[in-house]
Each structure stands twice: as structure tokens, then as C-alpha cells.
């Protein structure tokens, strides 16, 4: 019982390892390309991850996916319930998750 503080203190070890390694890891190519708009750093990160020199196809693929996502229309839960094609799927998921929360399985 007197050693519990040491057990909780062991968590410091992985945290320190992560802090020491993190500066040497490359940033996410998607983040660099889509958020920072830095194509050269994104290409460099892709090259690091994939290990090949020509990454223009991957850059174009990420940009195309971004364009598709921007054109995607977001809908609310109410709109989902009004749509007949997905109404039963939404109701099934909501009832299942509600039962999961109420049955006490998380406590077990």
C-alpha cells in the first residue's frame, strides 16, 4: 500500500520519452498541406514517410480529397431523422447506445 505513489509516478517515464522524441518526428503531411498551406514541407514529410522521391501523386490525392470534403453538405440529426433512407439506422444506433449506457456495462 505504501508503494502506490511509485506506481502512479511510473507514468512519467513514457511522457519523458515522448517529449524527448517528439522534436525529431516530422509533422503530418496533410496538416502541412491543408492547414499551413506549405507544399514544400508537405512533400518533404511525404518523402520521409513513404521513402520515395516523387510524391506529387500523393499531394494531388490529398488536395483532391480536400476539395471533395469542402463540397460535402453537412446535415443535422433532425434532417437525418426526416430522411426515410437512414431513419431506421439512426434510431437503431441511438437506442443501442442508450441501452449500452443504461445497462451498467461500463461499470463492470
N, C-alpha and C. Protein backbone atom coordinates (compact mmCIF):
# COMPACT_ATOMS: atom_id res chain seq x y z
N UNK A 1 0.82 -1.20 0.00
CA UNK A 1 0.00 0.00 0.00
C UNK A 1 0.86 1.26 0.00
N UNK A 2 2.00 1.19 0.61
CA UNK A 2 2.85 2.38 0.68
C UNK A 2 3.53 2.67 -0.65
N UNK A 3 3.48 1.74 -1.59
CA UNK A 3 4.15 1.92 -2.89
C UNK A 3 3.24 2.45 -3.99
N UNK A 4 2.00 2.75 -3.69
CA UNK A 4 1.07 3.28 -4.68
C UNK A 4 1.59 4.57 -5.33
N UNK A 5 2.17 5.50 -4.59
CA UNK A 5 2.68 6.71 -5.26
C UNK A 5 3.74 6.40 -6.31
N UNK A 6 4.52 5.37 -6.09
CA UNK A 6 5.53 4.99 -7.10
C UNK A 6 4.85 4.45 -8.35
N UNK A 7 3.78 3.69 -8.16
CA UNK A 7 3.04 3.16 -9.30
C UNK A 7 2.47 4.30 -10.15
N UNK A 8 1.91 5.29 -9.51
CA UNK A 8 1.38 6.43 -10.25
C UNK A 8 2.49 7.27 -10.87
N UNK A 9 3.66 7.26 -10.26
CA UNK A 9 4.79 8.01 -10.78
C UNK A 9 5.44 7.40 -12.00
N UNK A 10 5.18 6.11 -12.25
CA UNK A 10 5.76 5.43 -13.41
C UNK A 10 5.26 6.05 -14.72
N UNK A 11 4.12 6.70 -14.69
CA UNK A 11 3.56 7.33 -15.88
C UNK A 11 4.50 8.40 -16.42
N UNK A 12 5.35 8.94 -15.60
CA UNK A 12 6.27 9.98 -16.03
C UNK A 12 7.25 9.46 -17.09
N UNK A 13 7.62 8.19 -17.02
CA UNK A 13 8.63 7.64 -17.94
C UNK A 13 8.18 7.73 -19.40
N UNK A 14 7.00 7.21 -19.79
CA UNK A 14 6.59 7.36 -21.19
C UNK A 14 6.42 8.81 -21.61
N UNK A 15 5.98 9.65 -20.69
CA UNK A 15 5.82 11.07 -21.02
C UNK A 15 7.16 11.71 -21.36
N UNK A 16 8.18 11.41 -20.58
CA UNK A 16 9.50 11.96 -20.84
C UNK A 16 10.08 11.44 -22.15
N UNK A 17 9.86 10.17 -22.44
CA UNK A 17 10.33 9.59 -23.70
C UNK A 17 9.67 10.31 -24.87
N UNK A 18 8.37 10.54 -24.77
CA UNK A 18 7.65 11.22 -25.84
C UNK A 18 8.15 12.65 -26.02
N UNK A 19 8.38 13.36 -24.93
CA UNK A 19 8.85 14.74 -25.03
C UNK A 19 10.23 14.79 -25.67
N UNK A 20 11.08 13.80 -25.40
CA UNK A 20 12.42 13.81 -25.98
C UNK A 20 12.40 13.42 -27.46
N UNK A 21 11.49 12.55 -27.87
CA UNK A 21 11.45 12.07 -29.26
C UNK A 21 10.66 13.01 -30.16
N UNK A 22 9.67 13.68 -29.65
CA UNK A 22 8.75 14.49 -30.45
C UNK A 22 9.41 15.51 -31.36
N UNK A 23 10.44 16.23 -30.95
CA UNK A 23 11.05 17.21 -31.87
C UNK A 23 11.69 16.58 -33.11
N UNK A 24 12.00 15.30 -33.07
CA UNK A 24 12.66 14.65 -34.19
C UNK A 24 11.68 14.01 -35.18
N UNK A 25 10.40 13.99 -34.83
CA UNK A 25 9.40 13.40 -35.71
C UNK A 25 8.89 14.44 -36.70
N UNK A 26 8.64 14.05 -37.95
CA UNK A 26 8.11 15.01 -38.92
C UNK A 26 6.64 15.32 -38.65
N UNK A 27 6.22 16.49 -39.08
CA UNK A 27 4.81 16.85 -38.93
C UNK A 27 3.98 16.10 -39.97
N UNK A 28 2.70 16.06 -39.75
CA UNK A 28 1.79 15.38 -40.65
C UNK A 28 1.76 16.09 -42.00
N UNK A 29 1.92 15.34 -43.10
CA UNK A 29 1.88 15.98 -44.42
C UNK A 29 0.52 16.63 -44.71
N UNK A 30 -0.55 15.99 -44.28
CA UNK A 30 -1.89 16.56 -44.51
C UNK A 30 -2.04 17.89 -43.77
N UNK A 31 -1.55 17.95 -42.54
CA UNK A 31 -1.62 19.19 -41.76
C UNK A 31 -0.81 20.29 -42.44
N UNK A 32 0.39 19.94 -42.86
CA UNK A 32 1.24 20.94 -43.51
C UNK A 32 0.61 21.44 -44.80
N UNK A 33 -0.02 20.56 -45.54
CA UNK A 33 -0.58 20.92 -46.84
C UNK A 33 -1.90 21.67 -46.71
N UNK A 34 -2.79 21.16 -45.89
CA UNK A 34 -4.14 21.74 -45.83
C UNK A 34 -4.28 22.88 -44.84
N UNK A 35 -3.59 22.81 -43.72
CA UNK A 35 -3.74 23.85 -42.70
C UNK A 35 -2.68 24.95 -42.84
N UNK A 36 -1.44 24.56 -43.04
CA UNK A 36 -0.35 25.54 -43.13
C UNK A 36 -0.11 26.02 -44.56
N UNK A 37 -0.67 25.31 -45.55
CA UNK A 37 -0.50 25.64 -46.97
C UNK A 37 0.98 25.71 -47.36
N UNK A 38 1.75 24.77 -46.84
CA UNK A 38 3.19 24.72 -47.10
C UNK A 38 3.47 23.45 -47.91
N UNK A 39 3.46 23.57 -49.23
CA UNK A 39 3.62 22.42 -50.11
C UNK A 39 5.00 21.80 -50.02
N UNK A 40 6.02 22.61 -49.91
CA UNK A 40 7.38 22.06 -49.90
C UNK A 40 7.63 21.22 -48.65
N UNK A 41 7.19 21.70 -47.48
CA UNK A 41 7.35 20.91 -46.26
C UNK A 41 6.48 19.65 -46.29
N UNK A 42 5.29 19.76 -46.90
CA UNK A 42 4.41 18.60 -47.01
C UNK A 42 5.04 17.53 -47.89
N UNK A 43 5.64 17.95 -49.00
CA UNK A 43 6.32 16.99 -49.88
C UNK A 43 7.50 16.33 -49.16
N UNK A 44 8.23 17.12 -48.39
CA UNK A 44 9.35 16.58 -47.64
C UNK A 44 8.87 15.56 -46.60
N UNK A 45 7.75 15.85 -45.94
CA UNK A 45 7.20 14.92 -44.95
C UNK A 45 6.71 13.64 -45.64
N UNK A 46 6.07 13.78 -46.81
CA UNK A 46 5.65 12.59 -47.56
C UNK A 46 6.86 11.75 -47.95
N UNK A 47 7.92 12.40 -48.39
CA UNK A 47 9.13 11.67 -48.76
C UNK A 47 9.71 10.92 -47.56
N UNK A 48 9.66 11.54 -46.40
CA UNK A 48 10.16 10.88 -45.19
C UNK A 48 9.31 9.67 -44.84
N UNK A 49 7.99 9.82 -44.92
CA UNK A 49 7.10 8.72 -44.57
C UNK A 49 7.13 7.59 -45.58
N UNK A 50 7.12 7.92 -46.86
CA UNK A 50 6.99 6.92 -47.91
C UNK A 50 8.33 6.40 -48.41
N UNK A 51 9.39 7.15 -48.24
CA UNK A 51 10.71 6.72 -48.67
C UNK A 51 10.91 6.76 -50.18
N UNK A 52 10.20 7.64 -50.87
CA UNK A 52 10.40 7.80 -52.31
C UNK A 52 10.48 9.27 -52.66
N UNK A 53 11.10 9.55 -53.80
CA UNK A 53 11.35 10.94 -54.18
C UNK A 53 10.14 11.63 -54.80
N UNK A 54 9.40 10.91 -55.66
CA UNK A 54 8.27 11.52 -56.35
C UNK A 54 6.99 11.30 -55.55
N UNK A 55 6.53 12.35 -54.89
CA UNK A 55 5.32 12.25 -54.08
C UNK A 55 4.21 13.17 -54.61
N UNK A 56 4.34 13.58 -55.86
CA UNK A 56 3.36 14.50 -56.44
C UNK A 56 1.97 13.87 -56.50
N UNK A 57 1.92 12.55 -56.73
CA UNK A 57 0.62 11.86 -56.79
C UNK A 57 -0.07 11.94 -55.42
N UNK A 58 0.67 11.73 -54.35
CA UNK A 58 0.10 11.77 -53.01
C UNK A 58 -0.38 13.18 -52.66
N UNK A 59 0.38 14.19 -53.04
CA UNK A 59 -0.02 15.57 -52.78
C UNK A 59 -1.30 15.89 -53.52
N UNK A 60 -1.39 15.49 -54.78
CA UNK A 60 -2.61 15.72 -55.56
C UNK A 60 -3.79 14.96 -54.97
N UNK A 61 -3.55 13.77 -54.47
CA UNK A 61 -4.62 12.97 -53.87
C UNK A 61 -5.17 13.66 -52.62
N UNK A 62 -4.30 14.20 -51.79
CA UNK A 62 -4.75 14.91 -50.58
C UNK A 62 -5.52 16.16 -50.96
N UNK A 63 -5.04 16.89 -51.96
CA UNK A 63 -5.75 18.10 -52.39
C UNK A 63 -7.12 17.76 -52.98
N UNK A 64 -7.20 16.68 -53.74
CA UNK A 64 -8.48 16.27 -54.31
C UNK A 64 -9.45 15.86 -53.21
N UNK A 65 -8.97 15.14 -52.23
CA UNK A 65 -9.82 14.74 -51.11
C UNK A 65 -10.31 15.96 -50.33
N UNK A 66 -9.46 16.96 -50.20
CA UNK A 66 -9.85 18.19 -49.53
C UNK A 66 -10.96 18.91 -50.30
N UNK A 67 -10.83 18.93 -51.62
CA UNK A 67 -11.88 19.58 -52.44
C UNK A 67 -13.20 18.85 -52.30
N UNK A 68 -13.16 17.52 -52.26
CA UNK A 68 -14.39 16.73 -52.11
C UNK A 68 -15.02 17.00 -50.75
N UNK A 69 -14.20 17.07 -49.70
CA UNK A 69 -14.72 17.34 -48.36
C UNK A 69 -15.36 18.71 -48.26
N UNK A 70 -14.80 19.69 -48.92
CA UNK A 70 -15.39 21.03 -48.88
C UNK A 70 -16.74 21.07 -49.56
N UNK A 71 -16.94 20.22 -50.57
CA UNK A 71 -18.21 20.20 -51.29
C UNK A 71 -19.26 19.31 -50.62
N UNK A 72 -18.88 18.62 -49.56
CA UNK A 72 -19.81 17.74 -48.87
C UNK A 72 -20.76 18.58 -48.01
N UNK A 73 -22.03 18.27 -48.11
CA UNK A 73 -23.04 19.00 -47.36
C UNK A 73 -23.23 18.35 -46.00
N UNK A 74 -23.17 19.13 -44.94
CA UNK A 74 -23.39 18.62 -43.59
C UNK A 74 -24.88 18.66 -43.28
N UNK A 75 -25.35 17.63 -42.57
CA UNK A 75 -26.76 17.59 -42.19
C UNK A 75 -26.85 17.46 -40.68
N UNK A 76 -27.97 17.92 -40.15
CA UNK A 76 -28.19 17.83 -38.71
C UNK A 76 -28.87 16.49 -38.38
N UNK A 77 -28.95 16.20 -37.10
CA UNK A 77 -29.61 14.97 -36.66
C UNK A 77 -31.09 15.00 -37.04
N UNK A 78 -31.71 16.16 -36.92
CA UNK A 78 -33.12 16.29 -37.29
C UNK A 78 -33.33 15.99 -38.78
N UNK A 79 -32.42 16.48 -39.63
CA UNK A 79 -32.52 16.19 -41.06
C UNK A 79 -32.31 14.70 -41.33
N UNK A 80 -31.42 14.07 -40.55
CA UNK A 80 -31.22 12.63 -40.72
C UNK A 80 -32.49 11.87 -40.36
N UNK A 81 -33.16 12.28 -39.30
CA UNK A 81 -34.39 11.59 -38.89
C UNK A 81 -35.52 11.82 -39.89
N UNK A 82 -35.49 12.93 -40.59
CA UNK A 82 -36.52 13.20 -41.61
C UNK A 82 -36.29 12.41 -42.89
N UNK A 83 -35.06 11.96 -43.13
CA UNK A 83 -34.74 11.20 -44.34
C UNK A 83 -35.11 9.74 -44.14
N UNK A 84 -36.01 9.24 -44.97
CA UNK A 84 -36.51 7.87 -44.80
C UNK A 84 -35.42 6.82 -44.98
N UNK A 85 -34.45 7.07 -45.84
CA UNK A 85 -33.46 6.04 -46.15
C UNK A 85 -32.50 5.74 -45.00
N UNK A 86 -32.31 6.70 -44.08
CA UNK A 86 -31.38 6.46 -42.98
C UNK A 86 -32.03 6.55 -41.60
N UNK A 87 -33.34 6.79 -41.56
CA UNK A 87 -34.02 6.97 -40.28
C UNK A 87 -33.85 5.77 -39.36
N UNK A 88 -34.09 4.56 -39.86
CA UNK A 88 -34.02 3.39 -39.00
C UNK A 88 -32.59 3.10 -38.55
N UNK A 89 -31.61 3.40 -39.37
CA UNK A 89 -30.23 3.21 -38.94
C UNK A 89 -29.89 4.14 -37.78
N UNK A 90 -30.32 5.39 -37.88
CA UNK A 90 -30.04 6.36 -36.82
C UNK A 90 -30.76 5.97 -35.54
N UNK A 91 -32.02 5.59 -35.65
CA UNK A 91 -32.78 5.17 -34.46
C UNK A 91 -32.15 3.95 -33.82
N UNK A 92 -31.71 2.99 -34.63
CA UNK A 92 -31.08 1.78 -34.11
C UNK A 92 -29.80 2.12 -33.34
N UNK A 93 -28.99 2.98 -33.89
CA UNK A 93 -27.74 3.37 -33.21
C UNK A 93 -28.03 4.11 -31.92
N UNK A 94 -29.01 5.02 -31.94
CA UNK A 94 -29.34 5.80 -30.74
C UNK A 94 -29.88 4.88 -29.64
N UNK A 95 -30.77 3.97 -29.98
CA UNK A 95 -31.33 3.04 -28.99
C UNK A 95 -30.24 2.12 -28.45
N UNK A 96 -29.39 1.61 -29.33
CA UNK A 96 -28.30 0.72 -28.89
C UNK A 96 -27.37 1.44 -27.94
N UNK A 97 -26.95 2.64 -28.27
CA UNK A 97 -26.04 3.38 -27.39
C UNK A 97 -26.72 3.79 -26.09
N UNK A 98 -28.00 4.10 -26.15
CA UNK A 98 -28.74 4.41 -24.92
C UNK A 98 -28.82 3.21 -23.99
N UNK A 99 -29.12 2.04 -24.55
CA UNK A 99 -29.16 0.81 -23.74
C UNK A 99 -27.78 0.49 -23.18
N UNK A 100 -26.76 0.71 -23.95
CA UNK A 100 -25.40 0.46 -23.50
C UNK A 100 -25.06 1.33 -22.29
N UNK A 101 -25.49 2.58 -22.31
CA UNK A 101 -25.23 3.48 -21.19
C UNK A 101 -26.06 3.12 -19.97
N UNK A 102 -27.29 2.69 -20.19
CA UNK A 102 -28.19 2.41 -19.07
C UNK A 102 -27.99 1.03 -18.44
N UNK A 103 -27.37 0.09 -19.14
CA UNK A 103 -27.25 -1.27 -18.61
C UNK A 103 -26.13 -1.41 -17.59
N UNK A 104 -25.24 -0.45 -17.48
CA UNK A 104 -24.18 -0.51 -16.49
C UNK A 104 -22.97 -1.29 -16.92
N UNK A 105 -22.83 -1.56 -18.21
CA UNK A 105 -21.70 -2.33 -18.70
C UNK A 105 -20.39 -1.59 -18.49
N UNK A 106 -20.41 -0.27 -18.53
CA UNK A 106 -19.18 0.50 -18.29
C UNK A 106 -18.66 0.28 -16.87
N UNK A 107 -19.57 0.13 -15.93
CA UNK A 107 -19.14 -0.06 -14.54
C UNK A 107 -18.49 -1.42 -14.33
N UNK A 108 -18.92 -2.41 -15.11
CA UNK A 108 -18.34 -3.75 -14.98
C UNK A 108 -16.91 -3.71 -15.44
